[in-house]
Amino acid sequence: MSTTTTEAPKPRRALPPLMSLSDAAAERLRALYAKGEGGKLLRVAVSTKGCSGMSYQIDWVDAAGPGDEVVTDKGVTVLVDRKATLFLIGTVMDYERKAMAAGFTFTNPNEKGRCGCGESFHV
């Protein structure tokens, strides 16, 4: 009589969120959604441009398309282009105000470097 032991499957490690929002980004998006961009959604994508090869691209769209991932964090929804998901896993979107400029910024753990001007990155 042979006894076969079956091993329990190893627990899977939880995947990091595709993208998360800082409190400042969520607050700014709520304000934008409530005002001039009401009824629209912010869509985040990655395009090939710049001296390092890739650049973040954000646009307003009327609705999610078939190639969009829906990300909801802190009660705010943004869309992520499905083609950009591998480049954006674990990214935190922030909103920063500086003396001469304000805008959304991205802290991406997949970035291996940025160009000198900071407009593009590579993975």
N, C-alpha and C. Protein backbone atom coordinates (compact mmCIF):
# COMPACT_ATOMS: atom_id res chain seq x y z
N MET A 1 0.84 -1.16 0.00
CA MET A 1 0.00 0.00 0.00
C MET A 1 0.90 1.24 0.00
N SER A 2 0.67 2.10 -0.93
CA SER A 2 1.51 3.28 -1.01
C SER A 2 0.73 4.48 -0.50
N THR A 3 1.42 5.29 0.20
CA THR A 3 0.78 6.51 0.70
C THR A 3 1.40 7.70 -0.03
N THR A 4 0.55 8.50 -0.53
CA THR A 4 1.01 9.68 -1.25
C THR A 4 0.63 10.91 -0.43
N THR A 5 1.61 11.70 -0.20
CA THR A 5 1.32 12.94 0.53
C THR A 5 1.22 14.06 -0.49
N THR A 6 0.22 14.82 -0.30
CA THR A 6 0.07 15.98 -1.18
C THR A 6 0.40 17.22 -0.38
N GLU A 7 1.23 18.00 -0.97
CA GLU A 7 1.61 19.25 -0.32
C GLU A 7 0.53 20.28 -0.52
N ALA A 8 0.30 21.03 0.50
CA ALA A 8 -0.65 22.14 0.37
C ALA A 8 -0.02 23.19 -0.54
N PRO A 9 -0.84 23.79 -1.39
CA PRO A 9 -0.26 24.82 -2.27
C PRO A 9 0.31 25.97 -1.45
N LYS A 10 1.40 26.48 -1.94
CA LYS A 10 2.03 27.61 -1.27
C LYS A 10 1.12 28.83 -1.38
N PRO A 11 1.01 29.56 -0.30
CA PRO A 11 0.17 30.76 -0.38
C PRO A 11 0.79 31.76 -1.37
N ARG A 12 -0.08 32.36 -2.15
CA ARG A 12 0.40 33.35 -3.12
C ARG A 12 0.65 34.67 -2.43
N ARG A 13 1.71 35.28 -2.84
CA ARG A 13 2.04 36.60 -2.31
C ARG A 13 1.08 37.62 -2.94
N ALA A 14 0.58 38.51 -2.14
CA ALA A 14 -0.34 39.52 -2.64
C ALA A 14 0.39 40.44 -3.62
N LEU A 15 -0.26 40.75 -4.70
CA LEU A 15 0.32 41.67 -5.68
C LEU A 15 0.20 43.10 -5.18
N PRO A 16 1.19 43.93 -5.49
CA PRO A 16 1.05 45.34 -5.10
C PRO A 16 -0.08 45.96 -5.92
N PRO A 17 -0.70 47.01 -5.41
CA PRO A 17 -1.75 47.66 -6.19
C PRO A 17 -1.16 48.21 -7.49
N LEU A 18 -1.98 48.23 -8.51
CA LEU A 18 -1.52 48.76 -9.79
C LEU A 18 -1.02 50.19 -9.61
N MET A 19 -1.82 51.01 -8.95
CA MET A 19 -1.43 52.38 -8.70
C MET A 19 -2.22 52.88 -7.50
N SER A 20 -1.61 53.74 -6.71
CA SER A 20 -2.32 54.35 -5.58
C SER A 20 -2.16 55.86 -5.64
N LEU A 21 -3.02 56.54 -4.90
CA LEU A 21 -3.02 58.00 -4.88
C LEU A 21 -2.60 58.50 -3.51
N SER A 22 -1.80 59.53 -3.48
CA SER A 22 -1.50 60.20 -2.20
C SER A 22 -2.74 60.97 -1.79
N ASP A 23 -2.77 61.41 -0.54
CA ASP A 23 -3.89 62.22 -0.08
C ASP A 23 -4.03 63.50 -0.90
N ALA A 24 -2.89 64.12 -1.23
CA ALA A 24 -2.91 65.37 -2.01
C ALA A 24 -3.46 65.13 -3.42
N ALA A 25 -3.08 64.02 -4.05
CA ALA A 25 -3.59 63.72 -5.40
C ALA A 25 -5.08 63.45 -5.36
N ALA A 26 -5.53 62.69 -4.35
CA ALA A 26 -6.96 62.40 -4.24
C ALA A 26 -7.76 63.67 -4.02
N GLU A 27 -7.25 64.56 -3.16
CA GLU A 27 -7.93 65.83 -2.90
C GLU A 27 -8.01 66.68 -4.16
N ARG A 28 -6.90 66.76 -4.91
CA ARG A 28 -6.89 67.57 -6.14
C ARG A 28 -7.83 66.98 -7.19
N LEU A 29 -7.84 65.66 -7.33
CA LEU A 29 -8.74 65.03 -8.30
C LEU A 29 -10.20 65.25 -7.92
N ARG A 30 -10.52 65.16 -6.63
CA ARG A 30 -11.90 65.44 -6.20
C ARG A 30 -12.32 66.85 -6.61
N ALA A 31 -11.41 67.81 -6.40
CA ALA A 31 -11.70 69.20 -6.78
C ALA A 31 -11.89 69.33 -8.29
N LEU A 32 -11.03 68.68 -9.06
CA LEU A 32 -11.14 68.76 -10.52
C LEU A 32 -12.42 68.07 -11.02
N TYR A 33 -12.73 66.91 -10.44
CA TYR A 33 -13.95 66.19 -10.83
C TYR A 33 -15.20 67.01 -10.49
N ALA A 34 -15.15 67.77 -9.40
CA ALA A 34 -16.31 68.55 -8.97
C ALA A 34 -16.50 69.82 -9.80
N LYS A 35 -15.40 70.30 -10.40
CA LYS A 35 -15.48 71.56 -11.14
C LYS A 35 -15.53 71.32 -12.64
N GLY A 36 -14.57 71.83 -13.34
CA GLY A 36 -14.56 71.82 -14.80
C GLY A 36 -14.49 70.46 -15.46
N GLU A 37 -14.00 69.44 -14.75
CA GLU A 37 -13.86 68.13 -15.38
C GLU A 37 -14.94 67.16 -14.89
N GLY A 38 -16.03 67.70 -14.38
CA GLY A 38 -17.14 66.87 -13.91
C GLY A 38 -17.65 65.97 -15.02
N GLY A 39 -17.90 64.72 -14.70
CA GLY A 39 -18.38 63.77 -15.70
C GLY A 39 -17.28 63.11 -16.49
N LYS A 40 -16.04 63.54 -16.29
CA LYS A 40 -14.90 62.94 -17.00
C LYS A 40 -14.03 62.17 -16.01
N LEU A 41 -13.11 61.37 -16.54
CA LEU A 41 -12.17 60.62 -15.72
C LEU A 41 -10.76 60.90 -16.19
N LEU A 42 -9.82 60.88 -15.26
CA LEU A 42 -8.41 61.05 -15.60
C LEU A 42 -7.86 59.70 -16.03
N ARG A 43 -7.16 59.68 -17.16
CA ARG A 43 -6.58 58.45 -17.70
C ARG A 43 -5.07 58.60 -17.71
N VAL A 44 -4.37 57.63 -17.13
CA VAL A 44 -2.91 57.64 -17.06
C VAL A 44 -2.38 56.60 -18.04
N ALA A 45 -1.42 57.00 -18.84
CA ALA A 45 -0.79 56.10 -19.80
C ALA A 45 0.71 56.38 -19.82
N VAL A 46 1.42 55.54 -20.53
CA VAL A 46 2.86 55.73 -20.73
C VAL A 46 3.08 55.77 -22.24
N SER A 47 3.77 56.79 -22.69
CA SER A 47 4.06 56.89 -24.12
C SER A 47 5.57 56.86 -24.34
N THR A 48 5.96 56.52 -25.55
CA THR A 48 7.38 56.50 -25.88
C THR A 48 7.76 57.88 -26.39
N LYS A 49 8.48 58.61 -25.55
CA LYS A 49 8.98 59.93 -25.94
C LYS A 49 9.99 60.39 -24.90
N GLY A 50 10.67 61.43 -25.21
CA GLY A 50 11.66 61.97 -24.29
C GLY A 50 13.01 61.32 -24.48
N CYS A 51 14.01 61.89 -23.84
CA CYS A 51 15.38 61.41 -24.04
C CYS A 51 15.65 60.09 -23.31
N SER A 52 14.82 59.71 -22.32
CA SER A 52 15.02 58.43 -21.64
C SER A 52 14.12 57.34 -22.20
N GLY A 53 13.20 57.69 -23.07
CA GLY A 53 12.42 56.67 -23.74
C GLY A 53 10.95 56.61 -23.41
N MET A 54 10.53 56.93 -22.18
CA MET A 54 9.13 56.83 -21.80
C MET A 54 8.71 58.06 -21.02
N SER A 55 7.43 58.39 -21.14
CA SER A 55 6.91 59.56 -20.45
C SER A 55 5.49 59.27 -19.98
N TYR A 56 5.13 59.83 -18.83
CA TYR A 56 3.77 59.70 -18.33
C TYR A 56 2.87 60.61 -19.15
N GLN A 57 1.68 60.13 -19.42
CA GLN A 57 0.72 60.90 -20.20
C GLN A 57 -0.61 60.86 -19.45
N ILE A 58 -1.20 62.02 -19.15
CA ILE A 58 -2.49 62.04 -18.50
C ILE A 58 -3.45 62.85 -19.36
N ASP A 59 -4.66 62.31 -19.50
CA ASP A 59 -5.69 62.92 -20.34
C ASP A 59 -7.04 62.77 -19.67
N TRP A 60 -7.96 63.66 -20.02
CA TRP A 60 -9.34 63.54 -19.56
C TRP A 60 -10.13 62.78 -20.61
N VAL A 61 -10.91 61.80 -20.18
CA VAL A 61 -11.76 61.02 -21.09
C VAL A 61 -13.17 60.98 -20.53
N ASP A 62 -14.12 60.73 -21.42
CA ASP A 62 -15.53 60.70 -21.00
C ASP A 62 -15.89 59.41 -20.27
N ALA A 63 -15.26 58.30 -20.64
CA ALA A 63 -15.59 57.02 -20.02
C ALA A 63 -14.43 56.06 -20.20
N ALA A 64 -14.42 55.00 -19.41
CA ALA A 64 -13.39 53.97 -19.54
C ALA A 64 -13.55 53.27 -20.89
N GLY A 65 -12.43 53.01 -21.54
CA GLY A 65 -12.44 52.29 -22.79
C GLY A 65 -12.17 50.81 -22.56
N PRO A 66 -12.25 50.01 -23.60
CA PRO A 66 -12.02 48.57 -23.43
C PRO A 66 -10.59 48.23 -23.02
N GLY A 67 -9.65 49.13 -23.23
CA GLY A 67 -8.26 48.88 -22.87
C GLY A 67 -7.83 49.59 -21.59
N ASP A 68 -8.79 49.95 -20.75
CA ASP A 68 -8.48 50.68 -19.51
C ASP A 68 -8.71 49.82 -18.29
N GLU A 69 -7.81 49.95 -17.32
CA GLU A 69 -7.99 49.36 -16.00
C GLU A 69 -8.56 50.45 -15.10
N VAL A 70 -9.54 50.12 -14.29
CA VAL A 70 -10.15 51.09 -13.38
C VAL A 70 -9.49 50.95 -12.02
N VAL A 71 -8.92 52.04 -11.52
CA VAL A 71 -8.26 52.05 -10.21
C VAL A 71 -9.02 53.03 -9.32
N THR A 72 -9.48 52.54 -8.17
CA THR A 72 -10.17 53.40 -7.21
C THR A 72 -9.37 53.37 -5.92
N ASP A 73 -8.97 54.54 -5.46
CA ASP A 73 -8.21 54.67 -4.22
C ASP A 73 -8.67 55.93 -3.52
N LYS A 74 -8.89 55.83 -2.22
CA LYS A 74 -9.33 56.97 -1.41
C LYS A 74 -10.63 57.57 -1.94
N GLY A 75 -11.47 56.73 -2.52
CA GLY A 75 -12.76 57.18 -3.03
C GLY A 75 -12.70 57.89 -4.37
N VAL A 76 -11.55 57.88 -5.03
CA VAL A 76 -11.37 58.56 -6.31
C VAL A 76 -10.99 57.52 -7.37
N THR A 77 -11.59 57.66 -8.54
CA THR A 77 -11.32 56.71 -9.63
C THR A 77 -10.47 57.35 -10.71
N VAL A 78 -9.44 56.63 -11.13
CA VAL A 78 -8.63 57.00 -12.30
C VAL A 78 -8.55 55.78 -13.20
N LEU A 79 -8.26 56.02 -14.45
CA LEU A 79 -8.10 54.94 -15.42
C LEU A 79 -6.63 54.77 -15.75
N VAL A 80 -6.22 53.54 -16.00
CA VAL A 80 -4.85 53.27 -16.41
C VAL A 80 -4.91 52.47 -17.70
N ASP A 81 -4.21 52.96 -18.71
CA ASP A 81 -4.12 52.25 -19.98
C ASP A 81 -3.52 50.87 -19.73
N ARG A 82 -4.21 49.84 -20.19
CA ARG A 82 -3.78 48.46 -19.94
C ARG A 82 -2.37 48.21 -20.47
N LYS A 83 -1.97 48.88 -21.55
CA LYS A 83 -0.62 48.70 -22.09
C LYS A 83 0.45 49.27 -21.17
N ALA A 84 0.06 50.12 -20.22
CA ALA A 84 1.02 50.73 -19.30
C ALA A 84 1.11 50.01 -17.97
N THR A 85 0.27 49.01 -17.74
CA THR A 85 0.20 48.40 -16.41
C THR A 85 1.53 47.81 -15.95
N LEU A 86 2.25 47.14 -16.81
CA LEU A 86 3.52 46.54 -16.39
C LEU A 86 4.54 47.59 -15.97
N PHE A 87 4.44 48.78 -16.54
CA PHE A 87 5.38 49.85 -16.20
C PHE A 87 4.95 50.61 -14.94
N LEU A 88 3.68 50.48 -14.56
CA LEU A 88 3.13 51.30 -13.47
C LEU A 88 2.83 50.55 -12.18
N ILE A 89 3.02 49.24 -12.13
CA ILE A 89 2.67 48.48 -10.93
C ILE A 89 3.40 49.06 -9.72
N GLY A 90 2.63 49.40 -8.70
CA GLY A 90 3.19 49.93 -7.47
C GLY A 90 3.42 51.43 -7.46
N THR A 91 3.06 52.12 -8.53
CA THR A 91 3.29 53.57 -8.64
C THR A 91 2.35 54.35 -7.71
N VAL A 92 2.88 55.41 -7.12
CA VAL A 92 2.08 56.32 -6.31
C VAL A 92 1.98 57.64 -7.07
N MET A 93 0.76 58.08 -7.30
CA MET A 93 0.51 59.36 -7.96
C MET A 93 0.31 60.41 -6.87
N ASP A 94 1.04 61.52 -6.97
CA ASP A 94 0.97 62.57 -5.97
C ASP A 94 0.63 63.88 -6.67
N TYR A 95 0.27 64.89 -5.90
CA TYR A 95 0.07 66.23 -6.41
C TYR A 95 0.95 67.16 -5.60
N GLU A 96 1.83 67.88 -6.27
CA GLU A 96 2.78 68.76 -5.58
C GLU A 96 2.59 70.20 -6.02
N ARG A 97 2.70 71.09 -5.05
CA ARG A 97 2.69 72.53 -5.31
C ARG A 97 4.05 73.07 -4.94
N LYS A 98 4.67 73.74 -5.88
CA LYS A 98 5.96 74.38 -5.63
C LYS A 98 5.80 75.87 -5.91
N ALA A 99 6.84 76.62 -5.68
CA ALA A 99 6.77 78.08 -5.84
C ALA A 99 6.33 78.50 -7.24
N MET A 100 6.84 77.83 -8.26
CA MET A 100 6.57 78.24 -9.64
C MET A 100 5.73 77.24 -10.43
N ALA A 101 5.36 76.13 -9.82
CA ALA A 101 4.61 75.12 -10.58
C ALA A 101 3.82 74.22 -9.65
N ALA A 102 2.80 73.59 -10.21
CA ALA A 102 2.02 72.59 -9.48
C ALA A 102 1.60 71.53 -10.49
N GLY A 103 1.52 70.30 -10.03
CA GLY A 103 1.08 69.24 -10.93
C GLY A 103 1.20 67.87 -10.32
N PHE A 104 0.72 66.89 -11.07
CA PHE A 104 0.78 65.51 -10.63
C PHE A 104 2.18 64.96 -10.86
N THR A 105 2.66 64.18 -9.91
CA THR A 105 3.96 63.53 -10.02
C THR A 105 3.77 62.04 -9.78
N PHE A 106 4.73 61.25 -10.20
CA PHE A 106 4.65 59.80 -10.07
C PHE A 106 5.91 59.27 -9.40
N THR A 107 5.72 58.47 -8.36
CA THR A 107 6.82 57.75 -7.72
C THR A 107 6.66 56.31 -8.15
N ASN A 108 7.53 55.88 -9.05
CA ASN A 108 7.39 54.58 -9.69
C ASN A 108 8.56 53.68 -9.29
N PRO A 109 8.28 52.58 -8.57
CA PRO A 109 9.37 51.69 -8.15
C PRO A 109 10.02 50.94 -9.32
N ASN A 110 9.42 50.99 -10.49
CA ASN A 110 9.96 50.29 -11.66
C ASN A 110 10.96 51.14 -12.43
N GLU A 111 11.01 52.42 -12.16
CA GLU A 111 11.94 53.31 -12.87
C GLU A 111 13.38 52.94 -12.53
N LYS A 112 14.19 52.87 -13.56
CA LYS A 112 15.63 52.63 -13.37
C LYS A 112 16.43 53.91 -13.51
N GLY A 113 15.82 54.93 -14.10
CA GLY A 113 16.50 56.20 -14.26
C GLY A 113 15.60 57.21 -14.95
N ARG A 114 16.00 58.49 -14.85
CA ARG A 114 15.28 59.59 -15.49
C ARG A 114 16.27 60.43 -16.28
N CYS A 115 15.73 61.16 -17.22
CA CYS A 115 16.59 62.07 -17.98
C CYS A 115 16.92 63.28 -17.11
N GLY A 116 17.82 64.09 -17.55
CA GLY A 116 18.25 65.25 -16.78
C GLY A 116 17.15 66.26 -16.51
N CYS A 117 16.22 66.42 -17.44
CA CYS A 117 15.15 67.39 -17.23
C CYS A 117 13.99 66.81 -16.42
N GLY A 118 13.97 65.49 -16.21
CA GLY A 118 12.94 64.86 -15.41
C GLY A 118 11.64 64.57 -16.13
N GLU A 119 11.60 64.81 -17.44
CA GLU A 119 10.36 64.62 -18.20
C GLU A 119 10.16 63.18 -18.67
N SER A 120 11.21 62.39 -18.71
CA SER A 120 11.04 61.01 -19.18
C SER A 120 11.84 60.06 -18.29
N PHE A 121 11.55 58.77 -18.45
CA PHE A 121 12.17 57.76 -17.60
C PHE A 121 12.39 56.48 -18.40
N HIS A 122 13.13 55.55 -17.81
CA HIS A 122 13.27 54.22 -18.42
C HIS A 122 13.17 53.17 -17.33
N VAL A 123 12.73 51.98 -17.76
CA VAL A 123 12.59 50.86 -16.81
C VAL A 123 13.52 49.74 -17.17
